[in-house]
Protein backbone atom coordinates (compact mmCIF):
# COMPACT_ATOMS: atom_id res chain seq x y z
CA MET A 1 201.79 191.20 169.31
CA SER A 2 199.49 192.81 166.71
CA ASP A 3 196.53 192.69 169.13
CA LYS A 4 198.55 194.54 171.78
CA ILE A 5 199.55 197.22 169.26
CA LYS A 6 195.95 197.61 168.09
CA SER A 7 194.71 197.85 171.65
CA SER A 8 197.26 200.48 172.66
CA THR A 9 196.42 202.52 169.54
CA GLN A 10 192.71 202.50 170.31
CA GLU A 11 193.38 203.55 173.89
CA SER A 12 195.35 206.60 172.74
CA LEU A 13 192.53 207.89 170.52
CA ASP A 14 189.69 210.02 171.85
CA ILE A 15 187.35 208.71 169.14
CA TYR A 16 185.10 205.86 170.19
CA THR A 17 183.22 205.37 166.92
CA ILE A 18 181.92 207.14 163.81
CA LYS A 19 178.28 206.46 163.11
CA ASN A 20 175.41 208.14 161.24
CA HIS A 21 177.72 210.94 160.09
CA LEU A 22 178.65 211.81 163.69
CA ILE A 23 181.86 211.37 165.69
CA PHE A 24 181.35 209.87 169.15
CA LEU A 25 184.10 210.46 171.68
CA LYS A 26 184.88 208.31 174.69
CA ASP A 27 183.97 211.03 177.18
CA GLY A 28 180.37 211.15 175.88
CA SER A 29 180.74 214.21 173.64
CA CYS A 30 179.77 214.14 169.98
CA SER A 31 180.74 216.17 166.89
CA LEU A 32 179.95 216.68 163.23
CA VAL A 33 182.25 218.07 160.56
CA LEU A 34 181.43 220.47 157.74
CA LYS A 35 183.59 220.83 154.66
CA THR A 36 183.58 224.30 153.11
CA THR A 37 184.64 225.90 149.89
CA ALA A 38 187.10 228.80 149.88
CA ILE A 39 187.38 232.35 148.56
CA ASN A 40 190.48 233.89 147.01
CA PHE A 41 190.35 237.04 149.12
CA ASN A 42 193.13 238.80 147.16
CA LEU A 43 191.12 238.64 143.93
CA LEU A 44 188.16 240.50 145.43
CA SER A 45 187.67 244.21 144.99
CA GLU A 46 188.07 246.45 148.02
CA GLU A 47 184.29 246.71 148.42
CA GLU A 48 183.92 242.93 148.16
CA GLN A 49 186.69 242.41 150.71
CA ASP A 50 184.96 244.77 153.16
CA ALA A 51 181.62 243.01 152.63
CA THR A 52 183.26 239.62 153.22
CA ILE A 53 184.92 240.82 156.44
CA TYR A 54 181.65 242.24 157.76
CA ALA A 55 179.78 239.05 156.85
CA TYR A 56 182.40 236.92 158.61
CA ALA A 57 182.23 239.16 161.68
CA GLY A 58 178.45 238.77 161.62
CA LEU A 59 178.87 234.99 161.48
CA LEU A 60 181.13 234.97 164.54
CA ASN A 61 178.85 237.31 166.48
CA SER A 62 175.84 235.13 165.70
CA LEU A 63 177.36 232.05 167.34
CA SER A 64 176.13 231.01 170.77
CA PHE A 65 178.29 227.89 170.68
CA SER A 66 181.95 227.15 170.00
CA ILE A 67 183.32 225.88 166.70
CA GLN A 68 186.72 224.71 165.50
CA ILE A 69 188.18 225.60 162.10
CA LEU A 70 190.60 223.10 160.58
CA ILE A 71 192.77 223.86 157.55
CA ARG A 72 194.60 220.88 156.05
CA SER A 73 197.42 221.36 153.56
CA GLN A 74 198.44 218.34 151.52
CA ARG A 75 200.80 217.99 148.60
CA LYS A 76 198.81 217.85 145.39
CA ASN A 77 198.72 214.44 143.71
CA ILE A 78 198.71 215.01 139.94
CA SER A 79 199.07 211.35 138.87
CA ASP A 80 195.43 211.12 137.77
CA TYR A 81 195.79 214.31 135.73
CA ILE A 82 198.99 213.03 134.10
CA ASN A 83 197.19 209.79 133.22
CA LEU A 84 194.37 211.83 131.69
CA LEU A 85 196.86 213.73 129.54
CA ASP A 86 198.51 210.45 128.47
CA ASN A 87 195.13 209.12 127.32
CA ARG A 88 194.48 212.32 125.39
CA ILE A 89 197.90 212.10 123.77
CA GLN A 90 197.36 208.49 122.70
CA GLY A 91 193.86 209.22 121.37
CA THR A 92 194.80 212.35 119.40
CA PRO A 93 195.26 211.75 115.63
CA SER A 94 196.77 215.20 115.01
CA GLN A 95 200.54 215.20 115.37
CA LYS A 96 200.56 218.95 116.06
CA VAL A 97 198.06 218.65 118.90
CA LYS A 98 199.95 215.65 120.26
CA GLU A 99 203.18 217.66 120.40
CA GLN A 100 201.39 220.48 122.21
CA LEU A 101 199.98 218.04 124.75
CA LEU A 102 203.40 216.46 125.27
CA SER A 103 204.91 219.90 125.86
CA TYR A 104 202.13 220.79 128.30
CA ARG A 105 202.53 217.46 130.11
CA GLN A 106 206.24 218.13 130.59
CA PHE A 107 205.47 221.66 131.82
CA VAL A 108 203.04 220.36 134.46
CA LYS A 109 205.52 217.75 135.72
CA SER A 110 208.38 220.27 135.95
CA LEU A 111 206.12 222.80 137.70
CA VAL A 112 205.16 220.31 140.40
CA LYS A 113 208.76 219.07 140.73
CA GLU A 114 210.22 222.54 141.21
CA ASN A 115 207.38 223.99 143.28
CA ARG A 116 205.60 222.32 146.15
CA VAL A 117 201.97 222.46 144.99
CA LEU A 118 199.68 222.24 148.01
CA GLU A 119 195.99 221.54 148.17
CA LYS A 120 194.16 223.18 151.05
CA LYS A 121 190.92 221.85 152.50
CA PHE A 122 188.78 223.69 155.03
CA TYR A 123 186.62 222.13 157.73
CA VAL A 124 184.41 223.39 160.55
CA ILE A 125 183.87 221.14 163.57
CA VAL A 126 180.67 221.58 165.57
CA SER A 127 180.59 219.81 168.93
CA PHE A 128 178.10 218.69 171.57
CA SER A 129 180.06 218.55 174.80
CA ALA A 130 179.87 215.99 177.58
CA ILE A 131 178.80 218.81 179.90
CA GLU A 132 175.72 219.39 177.73
CA LEU A 133 174.97 215.71 178.15
CA GLY A 134 174.95 216.23 181.90
CA ILE A 135 178.41 214.85 182.64
CA SER A 136 180.68 216.84 184.93
CA LYS A 137 184.41 216.39 185.34
CA SER A 138 183.79 215.00 188.80
CA THR A 139 181.93 212.09 187.19
CA PHE A 140 185.26 210.53 186.28
CA ASN A 141 187.85 209.58 188.84
CA PRO A 142 190.92 211.75 188.10
CA LEU A 143 193.16 208.95 189.38
CA SER A 144 191.74 206.37 187.01
CA LYS A 145 192.53 205.84 183.33
CA SER A 146 190.78 207.92 180.70
CA PRO A 147 187.36 206.47 179.82
CA GLN A 148 187.45 203.92 177.01
CA LYS A 149 183.75 204.10 176.19
CA PRO A 150 180.96 206.69 176.57
CA PRO A 151 179.09 206.69 179.90
CA PHE A 152 175.72 206.33 178.13
CA ASP A 153 174.26 204.25 175.32
CA LEU A 154 175.18 205.60 171.87
CA GLN A 155 171.54 205.89 170.81
CA TYR A 156 170.76 208.07 173.83
CA ILE A 157 173.80 210.27 173.14
CA GLU A 158 172.87 210.57 169.47
CA GLU A 159 169.31 211.62 170.29
CA LYS A 160 170.51 214.31 172.71
CA ALA A 161 173.35 215.49 170.47
CA SER A 162 171.22 215.64 167.32
CA MET A 163 168.80 218.11 168.90
CA ALA A 164 171.70 220.51 169.48
CA LEU A 165 174.04 219.75 166.55
CA TYR A 166 171.64 219.88 163.61
CA PRO A 167 170.27 223.39 164.31
CA ARG A 168 173.87 224.56 164.82
CA ARG A 169 174.88 222.93 161.53
CA ASP A 170 172.02 224.57 159.62
CA HIS A 171 172.82 227.95 161.15
CA ILE A 172 176.48 227.76 160.10
CA ILE A 173 175.56 226.65 156.57
CA ARG A 174 173.23 229.66 156.22
CA GLN A 175 175.84 232.07 157.59
CA PHE A 176 178.55 230.68 155.31
CA ALA A 177 176.24 231.08 152.32
CA ARG A 178 176.06 234.82 153.10
CA ILE A 179 179.84 234.99 152.59
CA GLY A 180 179.61 233.02 149.36
CA LEU A 181 180.86 229.76 150.84
CA LYS A 182 179.17 226.41 150.43
CA ALA A 183 179.32 224.09 153.45
CA SER A 184 178.20 220.46 153.61
CA GLN A 185 178.34 217.82 156.32
CA LEU A 186 180.81 214.97 155.90
CA SER A 187 179.26 211.52 155.69
CA THR A 188 180.38 208.54 157.75
CA SER A 189 182.68 207.23 155.00
CA GLU A 190 184.15 210.70 154.41
CA LEU A 191 184.85 211.09 158.14
CA VAL A 192 186.58 207.71 158.29
CA THR A 193 188.71 208.60 155.26
CA LEU A 194 189.59 212.00 156.78
CA PHE A 195 190.77 210.53 160.07
CA TYR A 196 192.59 207.72 158.28
CA THR A 197 194.67 210.28 156.34
CA ILE A 198 195.24 212.36 159.49
CA TYR A 199 196.55 209.43 161.53
CA ASN A 200 198.44 207.89 158.60
CA GLN A 201 200.52 210.78 157.28
CA GLY A 202 202.06 210.04 153.92
CA SER A 203 199.56 207.31 153.08
CA VAL A 204 197.67 207.28 149.80
CA THR A 205 194.12 208.56 150.25
CA GLN A 206 191.61 205.87 149.51
CA ALA A 207 187.94 205.21 149.96
CA ILE A 208 187.34 203.37 153.20
CA THR A 209 184.17 201.54 154.12
CA PRO A 210 183.37 201.70 157.86
CA GLY A 211 183.46 198.27 159.44
CA ARG A 212 183.16 197.62 163.15
CA SER A 213 181.64 200.25 165.40
CA ASN A 214 184.87 200.95 167.32
CA ALA A 215 187.33 203.17 165.51
CA SER A 216 190.62 201.34 164.96
């Protein structure tokens, strides 16, 4: 029964495998993901806001390829911070400081309980399409099932995709730096963890070590 469930789950996903910091899809396309920092736009002066808008417009106009922007909002987990405060409270010899820490700890817990504190993360997806690989839609039979593995060897796809993706990645990183944003490519383990949390909503985020080549 478990094998059937696992098989049906794999068939429903477009991802074939995650390898060498790249996402390989079943149709032969390939992508990389950049994680970026953020700017509190409302805290900028009017001149800084205008400069940021112009720089962002310049970034978009400089693109000769498509990108996707993903914003993920997750409820903030403060358990580690509460544990840190508990350790400080236990290790503080001053009774006055200890009382202040206890009061602050209670304030943080009540703040999170009464207000939904969200953590936002920003990603940019850069893709190498199956069409760039030389695959047309007519390659696949529209009456057949969706492909369950890429039409070419992964090493061949990686070589072709890398020549297109890495210059695109470097260009975006430079353009984001002009806005004051720092972008960095997600590693294989970070990609696996990201997709694990996406497909397992409500699960506790944990470090995941990639195992077999096929994404499960």
